[in-house]
Amino acid sequence: MPKAYWIGRVDVHDPEQYKQYVAANAVAFAKYGARFLVRGGAFEAVEGTARARNVVIEFPDYATALACWNSPEYQHAITLRLPAAVGDIVVIEGYDGPQPGGA
């Protein structure tokens, strides 16, 4: 079964309030086995638009990624994020098929 991911792009306009969101989301992420693959860091938008902060979070599978999003713990965290930031988040199933070059 392929892993799943949250892909988030965020513009934070209230860093102090956003810290509360980060503390609260850690509860849900720990409960659902989330693992940060990208959390901020240098980037270059080589095509299209961008936001200031990018995040990729790995989950064991798609059902778990959705369960985390819908959990009471994460829904509470969202209430702390909304006044502090605007963003786009996609929950997506990973790909576990053939790769270019036959690898």
C-alpha atoms as a PDB file:
ATOM      1  CA  MET A   1       0.000   0.000   0.000  1.00  0.00           C
ATOM      2  CA  PRO A   2       1.510   3.370  -0.976  1.00  0.00           C
ATOM      3  CA  LYS A   3       2.178   6.057   1.567  1.00  0.00           C
ATOM      4  CA  ALA A   4       0.257   9.323   1.468  1.00  0.00           C
ATOM      5  CA  TYR A   5       1.199  12.952   1.872  1.00  0.00           C
ATOM      6  CA  TRP A   6      -0.050  16.334   2.868  1.00  0.00           C
ATOM      7  CA  ILE A   7       1.401  19.018   0.633  1.00  0.00           C
ATOM      8  CA  GLY A   8       0.998  22.462   2.130  1.00  0.00           C
ATOM      9  CA  ARG A   9       1.881  25.947   0.922  1.00  0.00           C
ATOM     10  CA  VAL A  10       1.380  28.670   3.499  1.00  0.00           C
ATOM     11  CA  ASP A  11       1.767  32.419   3.953  1.00  0.00           C
ATOM     12  CA  VAL A  12       1.997  33.263   7.656  1.00  0.00           C
ATOM     13  CA  HIS A  13       0.948  36.786   8.639  1.00  0.00           C
ATOM     14  CA  ASP A  14       0.916  36.320  12.443  1.00  0.00           C
ATOM     15  CA  PRO A  15       3.979  34.288  13.493  1.00  0.00           C
ATOM     16  CA  GLU A  16       3.131  34.346  17.209  1.00  0.00           C
ATOM     17  CA  GLN A  17      -0.365  32.933  16.642  1.00  0.00           C
ATOM     18  CA  TYR A  18       1.058  30.415  14.151  1.00  0.00           C
ATOM     19  CA  LYS A  19       3.265  28.982  16.919  1.00  0.00           C
ATOM     20  CA  GLN A  20       0.081  27.930  18.730  1.00  0.00           C
ATOM     21  CA  TYR A  21      -1.060  26.086  15.596  1.00  0.00           C
ATOM     22  CA  VAL A  22       2.298  24.300  15.317  1.00  0.00           C
ATOM     23  CA  ALA A  23       2.065  23.170  18.954  1.00  0.00           C
ATOM     24  CA  ALA A  24      -1.500  21.940  18.462  1.00  0.00           C
ATOM     25  CA  ASN A  25      -0.908  20.133  15.169  1.00  0.00           C
ATOM     26  CA  ALA A  26       1.899  18.119  16.773  1.00  0.00           C
ATOM     27  CA  VAL A  27      -0.726  16.234  18.791  1.00  0.00           C
ATOM     28  CA  ALA A  28      -2.552  15.031  15.671  1.00  0.00           C
ATOM     29  CA  PHE A  29       0.648  14.349  13.756  1.00  0.00           C
ATOM     30  CA  ALA A  30       2.046  12.160  16.547  1.00  0.00           C
ATOM     31  CA  LYS A  31      -1.245  10.249  16.863  1.00  0.00           C
ATOM     32  CA  TYR A  32      -1.381   9.463  13.118  1.00  0.00           C
ATOM     33  CA  GLY A  33       2.298   8.673  12.527  1.00  0.00           C
ATOM     34  CA  ALA A  34       3.090  11.782  10.472  1.00  0.00           C
ATOM     35  CA  ARG A  35       6.660  12.476   9.410  1.00  0.00           C
ATOM     36  CA  PHE A  36       7.907  15.792   8.008  1.00  0.00           C
ATOM     37  CA  LEU A  37       9.797  15.419   4.730  1.00  0.00           C
ATOM     38  CA  VAL A  38       9.828  19.152   3.963  1.00  0.00           C
ATOM     39  CA  ARG A  39       9.296  21.836   6.580  1.00  0.00           C
ATOM     40  CA  GLY A  40      10.188  25.285   5.321  1.00  0.00           C
ATOM     41  CA  GLY A  41      13.653  25.458   3.846  1.00  0.00           C
ATOM     42  CA  ALA A  42      15.111  27.150   0.814  1.00  0.00           C
ATOM     43  CA  PHE A  43      13.157  26.890  -2.421  1.00  0.00           C
ATOM     44  CA  GLU A  44      12.817  28.472  -5.821  1.00  0.00           C
ATOM     45  CA  ALA A  45       9.461  28.673  -7.581  1.00  0.00           C
ATOM     46  CA  VAL A  46      10.618  27.703 -11.067  1.00  0.00           C
ATOM     47  CA  GLU A  47       7.097  27.780 -12.495  1.00  0.00           C
ATOM     48  CA  GLY A  48       3.746  29.122 -11.321  1.00  0.00           C
ATOM     49  CA  THR A  49       2.990  30.899  -8.087  1.00  0.00           C
ATOM     50  CA  ALA A  50       4.384  30.218  -4.640  1.00  0.00           C
ATOM     51  CA  ARG A  51       3.732  30.860  -0.994  1.00  0.00           C
ATOM     52  CA  ALA A  52       6.399  31.685   1.579  1.00  0.00           C
ATOM     53  CA  ARG A  53       6.381  28.320   3.365  1.00  0.00           C
ATOM     54  CA  ASN A  54       6.173  24.793   1.950  1.00  0.00           C
ATOM     55  CA  VAL A  55       5.553  21.567   3.859  1.00  0.00           C
ATOM     56  CA  VAL A  56       5.364  17.893   2.844  1.00  0.00           C
ATOM     57  CA  ILE A  57       4.206  15.466   5.531  1.00  0.00           C
ATOM     58  CA  GLU A  58       4.283  11.697   5.039  1.00  0.00           C
ATOM     59  CA  PHE A  59       1.668   9.300   6.444  1.00  0.00           C
ATOM     60  CA  PRO A  60       1.589   5.498   6.435  1.00  0.00           C
ATOM     61  CA  ASP A  61      -1.290   5.457   3.908  1.00  0.00           C
ATOM     62  CA  TYR A  62      -4.070   7.546   2.360  1.00  0.00           C
ATOM     63  CA  ALA A  63      -6.751   6.528   4.881  1.00  0.00           C
ATOM     64  CA  THR A  64      -4.498   7.593   7.753  1.00  0.00           C
ATOM     65  CA  ALA A  65      -3.676  10.924   6.096  1.00  0.00           C
ATOM     66  CA  LEU A  66      -7.393  11.689   5.714  1.00  0.00           C
ATOM     67  CA  ALA A  67      -8.163  10.466   9.230  1.00  0.00           C
ATOM     68  CA  CYS A  68      -5.575  12.885  10.599  1.00  0.00           C
ATOM     69  CA  TRP A  69      -7.094  15.788   8.643  1.00  0.00           C
ATOM     70  CA  ASN A  70     -10.584  14.942   9.912  1.00  0.00           C
ATOM     71  CA  SER A  71      -9.517  14.212  13.485  1.00  0.00           C
ATOM     72  CA  PRO A  72     -10.775  16.368  16.356  1.00  0.00           C
ATOM     73  CA  GLU A  73      -7.140  17.108  17.210  1.00  0.00           C
ATOM     74  CA  TYR A  74      -6.317  18.555  13.792  1.00  0.00           C
ATOM     75  CA  GLN A  75      -9.653  20.312  13.419  1.00  0.00           C
ATOM     76  CA  HIS A  76      -8.814  22.135  16.650  1.00  0.00           C
ATOM     77  CA  ALA A  77      -5.376  23.042  15.259  1.00  0.00           C
ATOM     78  CA  ILE A  78      -7.029  24.531  12.162  1.00  0.00           C
ATOM     79  CA  THR A  79      -8.956  26.984  14.341  1.00  0.00           C
ATOM     80  CA  LEU A  80      -5.575  28.280  15.554  1.00  0.00           C
ATOM     81  CA  ARG A  81      -4.101  28.481  12.040  1.00  0.00           C
ATOM     82  CA  LEU A  82      -6.898  30.322  10.263  1.00  0.00           C
ATOM     83  CA  PRO A  83      -6.373  33.678  12.026  1.00  0.00           C
ATOM     84  CA  ALA A  84      -2.592  33.435  11.508  1.00  0.00           C
ATOM     85  CA  ALA A  85      -2.066  32.195   7.966  1.00  0.00           C
ATOM     86  CA  VAL A  86      -3.545  31.481   4.572  1.00  0.00           C
ATOM     87  CA  GLY A  87      -2.617  28.357   2.696  1.00  0.00           C
ATOM     88  CA  ASP A  88      -3.347  25.513   0.352  1.00  0.00           C
ATOM     89  CA  ILE A  89      -3.227  21.902   1.528  1.00  0.00           C
ATOM     90  CA  VAL A  90      -3.620  18.784  -0.587  1.00  0.00           C
ATOM     91  CA  VAL A  91      -3.937  15.260   0.795  1.00  0.00           C
ATOM     92  CA  ILE A  92      -2.605  12.888  -1.853  1.00  0.00           C
ATOM     93  CA  GLU A  93      -1.907   9.190  -2.227  1.00  0.00           C
ATOM     94  CA  GLY A  94       1.680   8.311  -3.072  1.00  0.00           C
ATOM     95  CA  TYR A  95       2.760   6.440  -6.197  1.00  0.00           C
ATOM     96  CA  ASP A  96       4.121   2.928  -5.873  1.00  0.00           C
ATOM     97  CA  GLY A  97       4.466   1.937  -9.544  1.00  0.00           C
ATOM     98  CA  PRO A  98       7.172   1.728 -12.185  1.00  0.00           C
ATOM     99  CA  GLN A  99       9.713   4.536 -12.387  1.00  0.00           C
ATOM    100  CA  PRO A 100      11.513   6.054 -15.394  1.00  0.00           C
ATOM    101  CA  GLY A 101      14.478   3.980 -16.433  1.00  0.00           C
ATOM    102  CA  GLY A 102      12.910   0.793 -15.084  1.00  0.00           C
ATOM    103  CA  ALA A 103      13.996   1.398 -11.508  1.00  0.00           C
END
